[in-house]
Amino acid sequence: MSGQPKEATFQELVNGSTPVLVDFFTDWCEPCKMMVPILNELKNRMGENITIIKIDAEKNADATIRYQVRGVPTLILFQNGNVLWQRAGVVQVNELQKIITSNVEGTHHG
């Protein structure tokens, strides 16, 4: 047993070639709850072409400050360590999918 965590760290994930959509949320934020089914649907549609992770903005102040998250929900799209797109507020699944496919290299979804 090497004691290595099975889950990749945030930094490892966002530095990868697979695009990562990060959802900054808080437990008490009502609009954040609206993002849950939207993100589930997005994952159903895009499958392995996207990694979606949720980050509690209150428990992860470092990331919140680093990416200048001023409100929740804030969605940030990463690929290869770069921020490709960032927006605060609820974004519907069709729009999200368009944003991801237009910003990410190598995703071809009709």
PDB file of N, CA and C in Angstrom:
ATOM      1  N   MET A   1       0.849  -1.205   0.000  1.00  0.00           N
ATOM      2  CA  MET A   1       0.000   0.000   0.000  1.00  0.00           C
ATOM      3  C   MET A   1       0.885   1.257   0.000  1.00  0.00           C
ATOM      4  N   SER A   2       0.747   2.042  -1.038  1.00  0.00           N
ATOM      5  CA  SER A   2       1.580   3.242  -1.126  1.00  0.00           C
ATOM      6  C   SER A   2       0.926   4.426  -0.414  1.00  0.00           C
ATOM      7  N   GLY A   3      -0.366   4.302  -0.140  1.00  0.00           N
ATOM      8  CA  GLY A   3      -1.058   5.390   0.547  1.00  0.00           C
ATOM      9  C   GLY A   3      -1.430   6.542  -0.376  1.00  0.00           C
ATOM     10  N   GLN A   4      -1.227   6.348  -1.674  1.00  0.00           N
ATOM     11  CA  GLN A   4      -1.602   7.397  -2.627  1.00  0.00           C
ATOM     12  C   GLN A   4      -3.122   7.460  -2.756  1.00  0.00           C
ATOM     13  N   PRO A   5      -3.695   8.667  -2.764  1.00  0.00           N
ATOM     14  CA  PRO A   5      -5.148   8.757  -2.962  1.00  0.00           C
ATOM     15  C   PRO A   5      -5.512   8.312  -4.373  1.00  0.00           C
ATOM     16  N   LYS A   6      -6.665   7.675  -4.493  1.00  0.00           N
ATOM     17  CA  LYS A   6      -7.111   7.197  -5.803  1.00  0.00           C
ATOM     18  C   LYS A   6      -7.551   8.361  -6.685  1.00  0.00           C
ATOM     19  N   GLU A   7      -8.167   9.343  -6.067  1.00  0.00           N
ATOM     20  CA  GLU A   7      -8.661  10.479  -6.834  1.00  0.00           C
ATOM     21  C   GLU A   7      -7.506  11.423  -7.149  1.00  0.00           C
ATOM     22  N   ALA A   8      -7.471  11.885  -8.374  1.00  0.00           N
ATOM     23  CA  ALA A   8      -6.454  12.859  -8.763  1.00  0.00           C
ATOM     24  C   ALA A   8      -6.727  14.165  -8.025  1.00  0.00           C
ATOM     25  N   THR A   9      -5.663  14.885  -7.743  1.00  0.00           N
ATOM     26  CA  THR A   9      -5.854  16.175  -7.091  1.00  0.00           C
ATOM     27  C   THR A   9      -6.441  17.162  -8.099  1.00  0.00           C
ATOM     28  N   PHE A  10      -6.989  18.233  -7.576  1.00  0.00           N
ATOM     29  CA  PHE A  10      -7.566  19.294  -8.404  1.00  0.00           C
ATOM     30  C   PHE A  10      -6.563  19.735  -9.468  1.00  0.00           C
ATOM     31  N   GLN A  11      -5.324  19.999  -9.044  1.00  0.00           N
ATOM     32  CA  GLN A  11      -4.304  20.497  -9.944  1.00  0.00           C
ATOM     33  C   GLN A  11      -3.984  19.487 -11.044  1.00  0.00           C
ATOM     34  N   GLU A  12      -3.907  18.211 -10.672  1.00  0.00           N
ATOM     35  CA  GLU A  12      -3.645  17.167 -11.667  1.00  0.00           C
ATOM     36  C   GLU A  12      -4.777  17.118 -12.689  1.00  0.00           C
ATOM     37  N   LEU A  13      -6.001  17.214 -12.189  1.00  0.00           N
ATOM     38  CA  LEU A  13      -7.166  17.157 -13.074  1.00  0.00           C
ATOM     39  C   LEU A  13      -7.171  18.304 -14.076  1.00  0.00           C
ATOM     40  N   VAL A  14      -7.015  19.535 -13.581  1.00  0.00           N
ATOM     41  CA  VAL A  14      -7.140  20.688 -14.479  1.00  0.00           C
ATOM     42  C   VAL A  14      -5.951  20.803 -15.415  1.00  0.00           C
ATOM     43  N   ASN A  15      -4.844  20.136 -15.100  1.00  0.00           N
ATOM     44  CA  ASN A  15      -3.681  20.163 -15.982  1.00  0.00           C
ATOM     45  C   ASN A  15      -3.764  19.119 -17.086  1.00  0.00           C
ATOM     46  N   GLY A  16      -4.764  18.265 -17.040  1.00  0.00           N
ATOM     47  CA  GLY A  16      -4.884  17.195 -18.017  1.00  0.00           C
ATOM     48  C   GLY A  16      -5.474  17.669 -19.334  1.00  0.00           C
ATOM     49  N   SER A  17      -5.398  16.793 -20.331  1.00  0.00           N
ATOM     50  CA  SER A  17      -5.917  17.148 -21.654  1.00  0.00           C
ATOM     51  C   SER A  17      -7.438  17.018 -21.715  1.00  0.00           C
ATOM     52  N   THR A  18      -8.021  16.195 -20.817  1.00  0.00           N
ATOM     53  CA  THR A  18      -9.484  16.117 -20.759  1.00  0.00           C
ATOM     54  C   THR A  18     -10.013  17.402 -20.141  1.00  0.00           C
ATOM     55  N   PRO A  19     -10.960  18.068 -20.806  1.00  0.00           N
ATOM     56  CA  PRO A  19     -11.501  19.293 -20.231  1.00  0.00           C
ATOM     57  C   PRO A  19     -12.195  19.034 -18.893  1.00  0.00           C
ATOM     58  N   VAL A  20     -12.036  19.972 -17.982  1.00  0.00           N
ATOM     59  CA  VAL A  20     -12.626  19.856 -16.648  1.00  0.00           C
ATOM     60  C   VAL A  20     -13.519  21.062 -16.402  1.00  0.00           C
ATOM     61  N   LEU A  21     -14.783  20.788 -16.102  1.00  0.00           N
ATOM     62  CA  LEU A  21     -15.709  21.842 -15.724  1.00  0.00           C
ATOM     63  C   LEU A  21     -15.818  21.840 -14.209  1.00  0.00           C
ATOM     64  N   VAL A  22     -15.420  22.953 -13.605  1.00  0.00           N
ATOM     65  CA  VAL A  22     -15.454  23.061 -12.149  1.00  0.00           C
ATOM     66  C   VAL A  22     -16.642  23.918 -11.747  1.00  0.00           C
ATOM     67  N   ASP A  23     -17.444  23.383 -10.842  1.00  0.00           N
ATOM     68  CA  ASP A  23     -18.615  24.095 -10.329  1.00  0.00           C
ATOM     69  C   ASP A  23     -18.325  24.524  -8.898  1.00  0.00           C
ATOM     70  N   PHE A  24     -18.083  25.817  -8.690  1.00  0.00           N
ATOM     71  CA  PHE A  24     -17.913  26.351  -7.340  1.00  0.00           C
ATOM     72  C   PHE A  24     -19.296  26.601  -6.751  1.00  0.00           C
ATOM     73  N   PHE A  25     -19.558  26.020  -5.590  1.00  0.00           N
ATOM     74  CA  PHE A  25     -20.884  26.117  -4.986  1.00  0.00           C
ATOM     75  C   PHE A  25     -20.766  26.312  -3.475  1.00  0.00           C
ATOM     76  N   THR A  26     -21.900  26.583  -2.828  1.00  0.00           N
ATOM     77  CA  THR A  26     -21.996  26.499  -1.372  1.00  0.00           C
ATOM     78  C   THR A  26     -23.285  25.754  -1.046  1.00  0.00           C
ATOM     79  N   ASP A  27     -23.337  25.193   0.145  1.00  0.00           N
ATOM     80  CA  ASP A  27     -24.499  24.397   0.555  1.00  0.00           C
ATOM     81  C   ASP A  27     -25.781  25.215   0.648  1.00  0.00           C
ATOM     82  N   TRP A  28     -25.646  26.498   0.966  1.00  0.00           N
ATOM     83  CA  TRP A  28     -26.832  27.317   1.203  1.00  0.00           C
ATOM     84  C   TRP A  28     -27.311  28.070  -0.031  1.00  0.00           C
ATOM     85  N   CYS A  29     -26.611  27.893  -1.154  1.00  0.00           N
ATOM     86  CA  CYS A  29     -26.926  28.652  -2.357  1.00  0.00           C
ATOM     87  C   CYS A  29     -27.994  27.932  -3.180  1.00  0.00           C
ATOM     88  N   GLU A  30     -29.179  28.552  -3.309  1.00  0.00           N
ATOM     89  CA  GLU A  30     -30.276  27.933  -4.053  1.00  0.00           C
ATOM     90  C   GLU A  30     -29.953  27.726  -5.543  1.00  0.00           C
ATOM     91  N   PRO A  31     -29.426  28.760  -6.252  1.00  0.00           N
ATOM     92  CA  PRO A  31     -29.082  28.541  -7.663  1.00  0.00           C
ATOM     93  C   PRO A  31     -28.076  27.409  -7.858  1.00  0.00           C
ATOM     94  N   CYS A  32     -27.197  27.199  -6.861  1.00  0.00           N
ATOM     95  CA  CYS A  32     -26.219  26.104  -6.956  1.00  0.00           C
ATOM     96  C   CYS A  32     -26.926  24.757  -7.072  1.00  0.00           C
ATOM     97  N   LYS A  33     -28.028  24.626  -6.346  1.00  0.00           N
ATOM     98  CA  LYS A  33     -28.791  23.367  -6.385  1.00  0.00           C
ATOM     99  C   LYS A  33     -29.395  23.143  -7.769  1.00  0.00           C
ATOM    100  N   MET A  34     -29.706  24.236  -8.468  1.00  0.00           N
ATOM    101  CA  MET A  34     -30.257  24.123  -9.822  1.00  0.00           C
ATOM    102  C   MET A  34     -29.222  23.573 -10.799  1.00  0.00           C
ATOM    103  N   MET A  35     -27.940  23.743 -10.468  1.00  0.00           N
ATOM    104  CA  MET A  35     -26.879  23.267 -11.363  1.00  0.00           C
ATOM    105  C   MET A  35     -26.712  21.748 -11.315  1.00  0.00           C
ATOM    106  N   VAL A  36     -27.171  21.109 -10.247  1.00  0.00           N
ATOM    107  CA  VAL A  36     -26.950  19.660 -10.092  1.00  0.00           C
ATOM    108  C   VAL A  36     -27.538  18.851 -11.249  1.00  0.00           C
ATOM    109  N   PRO A  37     -28.854  18.984 -11.545  1.00  0.00           N
ATOM    110  CA  PRO A  37     -29.399  18.212 -12.677  1.00  0.00           C
ATOM    111  C   PRO A  37     -28.809  18.644 -14.018  1.00  0.00           C
ATOM    112  N   ILE A  38     -28.453  19.918 -14.152  1.00  0.00           N
ATOM    113  CA  ILE A  38     -27.858  20.414 -15.394  1.00  0.00           C
ATOM    114  C   ILE A  38     -26.516  19.723 -15.635  1.00  0.00           C
ATOM    115  N   LEU A  39     -25.688  19.662 -14.582  1.00  0.00           N
ATOM    116  CA  LEU A  39     -24.371  19.031 -14.717  1.00  0.00           C
ATOM    117  C   LEU A  39     -24.495  17.528 -14.936  1.00  0.00           C
ATOM    118  N   ASN A  40     -25.484  16.912 -14.295  1.00  0.00           N
ATOM    119  CA  ASN A  40     -25.715  15.476 -14.517  1.00  0.00           C
ATOM    120  C   ASN A  40     -26.077  15.209 -15.972  1.00  0.00           C
ATOM    121  N   GLU A  41     -26.941  16.051 -16.526  1.00  0.00           N
ATOM    122  CA  GLU A  41     -27.350  15.906 -17.923  1.00  0.00           C
ATOM    123  C   GLU A  41     -26.161  16.132 -18.860  1.00  0.00           C
ATOM    124  N   LEU A  42     -25.345  17.130 -18.540  1.00  0.00           N
ATOM    125  CA  LEU A  42     -24.160  17.414 -19.349  1.00  0.00           C
ATOM    126  C   LEU A  42     -23.224  16.202 -19.369  1.00  0.00           C
ATOM    127  N   LYS A  43     -23.033  15.596 -18.207  1.00  0.00           N
ATOM    128  CA  LYS A  43     -22.170  14.414 -18.117  1.00  0.00           C
ATOM    129  C   LYS A  43     -22.760  13.264 -18.933  1.00  0.00           C
ATOM    130  N   ASN A  44     -24.088  13.097 -18.873  1.00  0.00           N
ATOM    131  CA  ASN A  44     -24.743  12.063 -19.677  1.00  0.00           C
ATOM    132  C   ASN A  44     -24.492  12.273 -21.160  1.00  0.00           C
ATOM    133  N   ARG A  45     -24.539  13.528 -21.586  1.00  0.00           N
ATOM    134  CA  ARG A  45     -24.367  13.837 -23.007  1.00  0.00           C
ATOM    135  C   ARG A  45     -22.920  13.709 -23.457  1.00  0.00           C
ATOM    136  N   MET A  46     -21.991  14.149 -22.624  1.00  0.00           N
ATOM    137  CA  MET A  46     -20.590  14.257 -23.053  1.00  0.00           C
ATOM    138  C   MET A  46     -19.707  13.116 -22.574  1.00  0.00           C
ATOM    139  N   GLY A  47     -20.159  12.397 -21.544  1.00  0.00           N
ATOM    140  CA  GLY A  47     -19.443  11.210 -21.093  1.00  0.00           C
ATOM    141  C   GLY A  47     -17.986  11.453 -20.786  1.00  0.00           C
ATOM    142  N   GLU A  48     -17.108  10.662 -21.428  1.00  0.00           N
ATOM    143  CA  GLU A  48     -15.668  10.710 -21.153  1.00  0.00           C
ATOM    144  C   GLU A  48     -15.003  11.977 -21.678  1.00  0.00           C
ATOM    145  N   ASN A  49     -15.728  12.761 -22.472  1.00  0.00           N
ATOM    146  CA  ASN A  49     -15.131  13.964 -23.048  1.00  0.00           C
ATOM    147  C   ASN A  49     -15.072  15.126 -22.068  1.00  0.00           C
ATOM    148  N   ILE A  50     -15.649  14.944 -20.888  1.00  0.00           N
ATOM    149  CA  ILE A  50     -15.621  16.018 -19.889  1.00  0.00           C
ATOM    150  C   ILE A  50     -15.505  15.411 -18.495  1.00  0.00           C
ATOM    151  N   THR A  51     -14.753  16.103 -17.646  1.00  0.00           N
ATOM    152  CA  THR A  51     -14.732  15.764 -16.228  1.00  0.00           C
ATOM    153  C   THR A  51     -15.412  16.913 -15.514  1.00  0.00           C
ATOM    154  N   ILE A  52     -16.349  16.589 -14.626  1.00  0.00           N
ATOM    155  CA  ILE A  52     -17.062  17.630 -13.884  1.00  0.00           C
ATOM    156  C   ILE A  52     -16.748  17.462 -12.411  1.00  0.00           C
ATOM    157  N   ILE A  53     -16.243  18.516 -11.788  1.00  0.00           N
ATOM    158  CA  ILE A  53     -15.998  18.444 -10.345  1.00  0.00           C
ATOM    159  C   ILE A  53     -16.658  19.628  -9.656  1.00  0.00           C
ATOM    160  N   LYS A  54     -17.155  19.351  -8.452  1.00  0.00           N
ATOM    161  CA  LYS A  54     -17.801  20.383  -7.655  1.00  0.00           C
ATOM    162  C   LYS A  54     -16.861  20.767  -6.522  1.00  0.00           C
ATOM    163  N   ILE A  55     -16.722  22.057  -6.284  1.00  0.00           N
ATOM    164  CA  ILE A  55     -15.846  22.544  -5.225  1.00  0.00           C
ATOM    165  C   ILE A  55     -16.648  23.459  -4.316  1.00  0.00           C
ATOM    166  N   ASP A  56     -16.635  23.139  -3.033  1.00  0.00           N
ATOM    167  CA  ASP A  56     -17.307  23.988  -2.049  1.00  0.00           C
ATOM    168  C   ASP A  56     -16.463  25.250  -1.861  1.00  0.00           C
ATOM    169  N   ALA A  57     -17.008  26.379  -2.290  1.00  0.00           N
ATOM    170  CA  ALA A  57     -16.269  27.636  -2.282  1.00  0.00           C
ATOM    171  C   ALA A  57     -15.836  28.044  -0.874  1.00  0.00           C
ATOM    172  N   GLU A  58     -16.635  27.676   0.132  1.00  0.00           N
ATOM    173  CA  GLU A  58     -16.302  28.064   1.498  1.00  0.00           C
ATOM    174  C   GLU A  58     -15.183  27.203   2.075  1.00  0.00           C
ATOM    175  N   LYS A  59     -15.136  25.937   1.662  1.00  0.00           N
ATOM    176  CA  LYS A  59     -14.132  25.024   2.209  1.00  0.00           C
ATOM    177  C   LYS A  59     -12.828  25.061   1.420  1.00  0.00           C
ATOM    178  N   ASN A  60     -12.850  25.699   0.263  1.00  0.00           N
ATOM    179  CA  ASN A  60     -11.663  25.755  -0.590  1.00  0.00           C
ATOM    180  C   ASN A  60     -11.338  27.197  -0.950  1.00  0.00           C
ATOM    181  N   ALA A  61     -11.054  27.976   0.095  1.00  0.00           N
ATOM    182  CA  ALA A  61     -10.830  29.413  -0.084  1.00  0.00           C
ATOM    183  C   ALA A  61      -9.670  29.696  -1.035  1.00  0.00           C
ATOM    184  N   ASP A  62      -8.634  28.858  -1.014  1.00  0.00           N
ATOM    185  CA  ASP A  62      -7.473  29.078  -1.878  1.00  0.00           C
ATOM    186  C   ASP A  62      -7.886  29.122  -3.339  1.00  0.00           C
ATOM    187  N   ALA A  63      -8.632  28.096  -3.762  1.00  0.00           N
ATOM    188  CA  ALA A  63      -9.071  28.021  -5.156  1.00  0.00           C
ATOM    189  C   ALA A  63     -10.040  29.152  -5.464  1.00  0.00           C
ATOM    190  N   THR A  64     -10.910  29.465  -4.517  1.00  0.00           N
ATOM    191  CA  THR A  64     -11.900  30.525  -4.705  1.00  0.00           C
ATOM    192  C   THR A  64     -11.210  31.867  -4.964  1.00  0.00           C
ATOM    193  N   ILE A  65     -10.172  32.145  -4.180  1.00  0.00           N
ATOM    194  CA  ILE A  65      -9.426  33.396  -4.333  1.00  0.00           C
ATOM    195  C   ILE A  65      -8.598  33.371  -5.619  1.00  0.00           C
ATOM    196  N   ARG A  66      -7.941  32.261  -5.851  1.00  0.00           N
ATOM    197  CA  ARG A  66      -7.047  32.133  -7.007  1.00  0.00           C
ATOM    198  C   ARG A  66      -7.769  32.375  -8.331  1.00  0.00           C
ATOM    199  N   TYR A  67      -9.007  31.874  -8.414  1.00  0.00           N
ATOM    200  CA  TYR A  67      -9.756  32.020  -9.661  1.00  0.00           C
ATOM    201  C   TYR A  67     -10.784  33.142  -9.591  1.00  0.00           C
ATOM    202  N   GLN A  68     -10.638  34.000  -8.570  1.00  0.00           N
ATOM    203  CA  GLN A  68     -11.467  35.199  -8.427  1.00  0.00           C
ATOM    204  C   GLN A  68     -12.951  34.897  -8.502  1.00  0.00           C
ATOM    205  N   VAL A  69     -13.351  33.853  -7.761  1.00  0.00           N
ATOM    206  CA  VAL A  69     -14.761  33.487  -7.687  1.00  0.00           C
ATOM    207  C   VAL A  69     -15.442  34.457  -6.724  1.00  0.00           C
ATOM    208  N   ARG A  70     -16.332  35.286  -7.265  1.00  0.00           N
ATOM    209  CA  ARG A  70     -16.976  36.313  -6.451  1.00  0.00           C
ATOM    210  C   ARG A  70     -18.395  35.932  -6.051  1.00  0.00           C
ATOM    211  N   GLY A  71     -18.990  35.023  -6.789  1.00  0.00           N
ATOM    212  CA  GLY A  71     -20.349  34.592  -6.465  1.00  0.00           C
ATOM    213  C   GLY A  71     -20.482  33.124  -6.792  1.00  0.00           C
ATOM    214  N   VAL A  72     -21.503  32.504  -6.255  1.00  0.00           N
ATOM    215  CA  VAL A  72     -21.766  31.102  -6.578  1.00  0.00           C
ATOM    216  C   VAL A  72     -23.172  30.992  -7.153  1.00  0.00           C
ATOM    217  N   PRO A  73     -23.438  30.058  -8.073  1.00  0.00           N
ATOM    218  CA  PRO A  73     -22.419  29.174  -8.640  1.00  0.00           C
ATOM    219  C   PRO A  73     -21.522  29.905  -9.632  1.00  0.00           C
ATOM    220  N   THR A  74     -20.257  29.513  -9.664  1.00  0.00           N
ATOM    221  CA  THR A  74     -19.342  29.952 -10.716  1.00  0.00           C
ATOM    222  C   THR A  74     -18.830  28.706 -11.413  1.00  0.00           C
ATOM    223  N   LEU A  75     -18.903  28.705 -12.729  1.00  0.00           N
ATOM    224  CA  LEU A  75     -18.419  27.588 -13.525  1.00  0.00           C
ATOM    225  C   LEU A  75     -17.137  28.013 -14.217  1.00  0.00           C
ATOM    226  N   ILE A  76     -16.121  27.153 -14.150  1.00  0.00           N
ATOM    227  CA  ILE A  76     -14.859  27.420 -14.824  1.00  0.00           C
ATOM    228  C   ILE A  76     -14.484  26.192 -15.633  1.00  0.00           C
ATOM    229  N   LEU A  77     -14.127  26.420 -16.891  1.00  0.00           N
ATOM    230  CA  LEU A  77     -13.719  25.343 -17.779  1.00  0.00           C
ATOM    231  C   LEU A  77     -12.203  25.380 -17.948  1.00  0.00           C
ATOM    232  N   PHE A  78     -11.562  24.261 -17.610  1.00  0.00           N
ATOM    233  CA  PHE A  78     -10.110  24.141 -17.726  1.00  0.00           C
ATOM    234  C   PHE A  78      -9.747  23.103 -18.778  1.00  0.00           C
ATOM    235  N   GLN A  79      -8.595  23.306 -19.397  1.00  0.00           N
ATOM    236  CA  GLN A  79      -7.962  22.253 -20.188  1.00  0.00           C
ATOM    237  C   GLN A  79      -6.471  22.551 -20.212  1.00  0.00           C
ATOM    238  N   ASN A  80      -5.662  21.519 -19.982  1.00  0.00           N
ATOM    239  CA  ASN A  80      -4.204  21.676 -19.969  1.00  0.00           C
ATOM    240  C   ASN A  80      -3.747  22.793 -19.028  1.00  0.00           C
ATOM    241  N   GLY A  81      -4.450  22.929 -17.902  1.00  0.00           N
ATOM    242  CA  GLY A  81      -4.063  23.914 -16.900  1.00  0.00           C
ATOM    243  C   GLY A  81      -4.524  25.332 -17.190  1.00  0.00           C
ATOM    244  N   ASN A  82      -5.177  25.529 -18.317  1.00  0.00           N
ATOM    245  CA  ASN A  82      -5.632  26.871 -18.690  1.00  0.00           C
ATOM    246  C   ASN A  82      -7.117  27.049 -18.430  1.00  0.00           C
ATOM    247  N   VAL A  83      -7.488  28.269 -18.032  1.00  0.00           N
ATOM    248  CA  VAL A  83      -8.907  28.602 -17.920  1.00  0.00           C
ATOM    249  C   VAL A  83      -9.388  28.986 -19.314  1.00  0.00           C
ATOM    250  N   LEU A  84     -10.323  28.210 -19.847  1.00  0.00           N
ATOM    251  CA  LEU A  84     -10.843  28.483 -21.186  1.00  0.00           C
ATOM    252  C   LEU A  84     -12.060  29.395 -21.141  1.00  0.00           C
ATOM    253  N   TRP A  85     -12.810  29.308 -20.044  1.00  0.00           N
ATOM    254  CA  TRP A  85     -14.078  30.029 -19.939  1.00  0.00           C
ATOM    255  C   TRP A  85     -14.485  30.070 -18.470  1.00  0.00           C
ATOM    256  N   GLN A  86     -15.125  31.149 -18.068  1.00  0.00           N
ATOM    257  CA  GLN A  86     -15.568  31.276 -16.682  1.00  0.00           C
ATOM    258  C   GLN A  86     -16.809  32.158 -16.635  1.00  0.00           C
ATOM    259  N   ARG A  87     -17.802  31.726 -15.871  1.00  0.00           N
ATOM    260  CA  ARG A  87     -19.000  32.539 -15.715  1.00  0.00           C
ATOM    261  C   ARG A  87     -19.675  32.248 -14.384  1.00  0.00           C
ATOM    262  N   ALA A  88     -20.176  33.310 -13.751  1.00  0.00           N
ATOM    263  CA  ALA A  88     -20.977  33.148 -12.539  1.00  0.00           C
ATOM    264  C   ALA A  88     -22.435  33.011 -12.937  1.00  0.00           C
ATOM    265  N   GLY A  89     -23.166  32.212 -12.172  1.00  0.00           N
ATOM    266  CA  GLY A  89     -24.596  32.068 -12.410  1.00  0.00           C
ATOM    267  C   GLY A  89     -24.941  30.729 -13.035  1.00  0.00           C
ATOM    268  N   VAL A  90     -26.239  30.465 -13.095  1.00  0.00           N
ATOM    269  CA  VAL A  90     -26.732  29.211 -13.650  1.00  0.00           C
ATOM    270  C   VAL A  90     -26.641  29.266 -15.175  1.00  0.00           C
ATOM    271  N   VAL A  91     -26.083  28.217 -15.767  1.00  0.00           N
ATOM    272  CA  VAL A  91     -26.006  28.111 -17.221  1.00  0.00           C
ATOM    273  C   VAL A  91     -26.737  26.836 -17.626  1.00  0.00           C
ATOM    274  N   GLN A  92     -27.649  26.937 -18.581  1.00  0.00           N
ATOM    275  CA  GLN A  92     -28.438  25.780 -19.006  1.00  0.00           C
ATOM    276  C   GLN A  92     -27.581  24.795 -19.792  1.00  0.00           C
ATOM    277  N   VAL A  93     -28.030  23.535 -19.816  1.00  0.00           N
ATOM    278  CA  VAL A  93     -27.205  22.450 -20.354  1.00  0.00           C
ATOM    279  C   VAL A  93     -26.866  22.639 -21.834  1.00  0.00           C
ATOM    280  N   ASN A  94     -27.819  23.086 -22.648  1.00  0.00           N
ATOM    281  CA  ASN A  94     -27.540  23.263 -24.078  1.00  0.00           C
ATOM    282  C   ASN A  94     -26.456  24.310 -24.304  1.00  0.00           C
ATOM    283  N   GLU A  95     -26.543  25.406 -23.551  1.00  0.00           N
ATOM    284  CA  GLU A  95     -25.561  26.474 -23.670  1.00  0.00           C
ATOM    285  C   GLU A  95     -24.194  25.994 -23.191  1.00  0.00           C
ATOM    286  N   LEU A  96     -24.182  25.285 -22.060  1.00  0.00           N
ATOM    287  CA  LEU A  96     -22.933  24.751 -21.520  1.00  0.00           C
ATOM    288  C   LEU A  96     -22.238  23.839 -22.528  1.00  0.00           C
ATOM    289  N   GLN A  97     -23.020  22.967 -23.129  1.00  0.00           N
ATOM    290  CA  GLN A  97     -22.452  22.024 -24.087  1.00  0.00           C
ATOM    291  C   GLN A  97     -21.838  22.773 -25.274  1.00  0.00           C
ATOM    292  N   LYS A  98     -22.533  23.808 -25.760  1.00  0.00           N
ATOM    293  CA  LYS A  98     -22.014  24.626 -26.863  1.00  0.00           C
ATOM    294  C   LYS A  98     -20.723  25.323 -26.466  1.00  0.00           C
ATOM    295  N   ILE A  99     -20.715  25.888 -25.260  1.00  0.00           N
ATOM    296  CA  ILE A  99     -19.537  26.603 -24.770  1.00  0.00           C
ATOM    297  C   ILE A  99     -18.336  25.659 -24.705  1.00  0.00           C
ATOM    298  N   ILE A 100     -18.571  24.471 -24.170  1.00  0.00           N
ATOM    299  CA  ILE A 100     -17.481  23.513 -24.018  1.00  0.00           C
ATOM    300  C   ILE A 100     -16.951  23.079 -25.383  1.00  0.00           C
ATOM    301  N   THR A 101     -17.864  22.710 -26.283  1.00  0.00           N
ATOM    302  CA  THR A 101     -17.407  22.211 -27.582  1.00  0.00           C
ATOM    303  C   THR A 101     -16.747  23.313 -28.407  1.00  0.00           C
ATOM    304  N   SER A 102     -17.136  24.568 -28.191  1.00  0.00           N
ATOM    305  CA  SER A 102     -16.508  25.640 -28.962  1.00  0.00           C
ATOM    306  C   SER A 102     -15.175  26.080 -28.372  1.00  0.00           C
ATOM    307  N   ASN A 103     -14.958  25.833 -27.083  1.00  0.00           N
ATOM    308  CA  ASN A 103     -13.717  26.247 -26.438  1.00  0.00           C
ATOM    309  C   ASN A 103     -12.647  25.171 -26.380  1.00  0.00           C
ATOM    310  N   VAL A 104     -13.070  23.927 -26.397  1.00  0.00           N
ATOM    311  CA  VAL A 104     -12.148  22.827 -26.151  1.00  0.00           C
ATOM    312  C   VAL A 104     -11.582  22.294 -27.459  1.00  0.00           C
ATOM    313  N   GLU A 105     -10.295  22.013 -27.421  1.00  0.00           N
ATOM    314  CA  GLU A 105      -9.671  21.401 -28.590  1.00  0.00           C
ATOM    315  C   GLU A 105     -10.012  19.922 -28.592  1.00  0.00           C
ATOM    316  N   GLY A 106     -10.341  19.423 -29.770  1.00  0.00           N
ATOM    317  CA  GLY A 106     -10.474  17.985 -29.920  1.00  0.00           C
ATOM    318  C   GLY A 106     -11.799  17.383 -29.495  1.00  0.00           C
ATOM    319  N   THR A 107     -12.835  18.189 -29.229  1.00  0.00           N
ATOM    320  CA  THR A 107     -14.146  17.587 -29.010  1.00  0.00           C
ATOM    321  C   THR A 107     -14.979  17.818 -30.244  1.00  0.00           C
ATOM    322  N   HIS A 108     -15.434  16.747 -30.822  1.00  0.00           N
ATOM    323  CA  HIS A 108     -16.273  16.851 -32.013  1.00  0.00           C
ATOM    324  C   HIS A 108     -17.572  16.145 -31.728  1.00  0.00           C
ATOM    325  N   HIS A 109     -18.571  16.933 -31.350  1.00  0.00           N
ATOM    326  CA  HIS A 109     -19.893  16.359 -31.079  1.00  0.00           C
ATOM    327  C   HIS A 109     -20.899  17.077 -31.936  1.00  0.00           C
ATOM    328  N   GLY A 110     -21.674  16.300 -32.680  1.00  0.00           N
ATOM    329  CA  GLY A 110     -22.667  16.904 -33.566  1.00  0.00           C
ATOM    330  C   GLY A 110     -23.828  17.337 -32.753  1.00  0.00           C
TER     331      GLY A 110
END
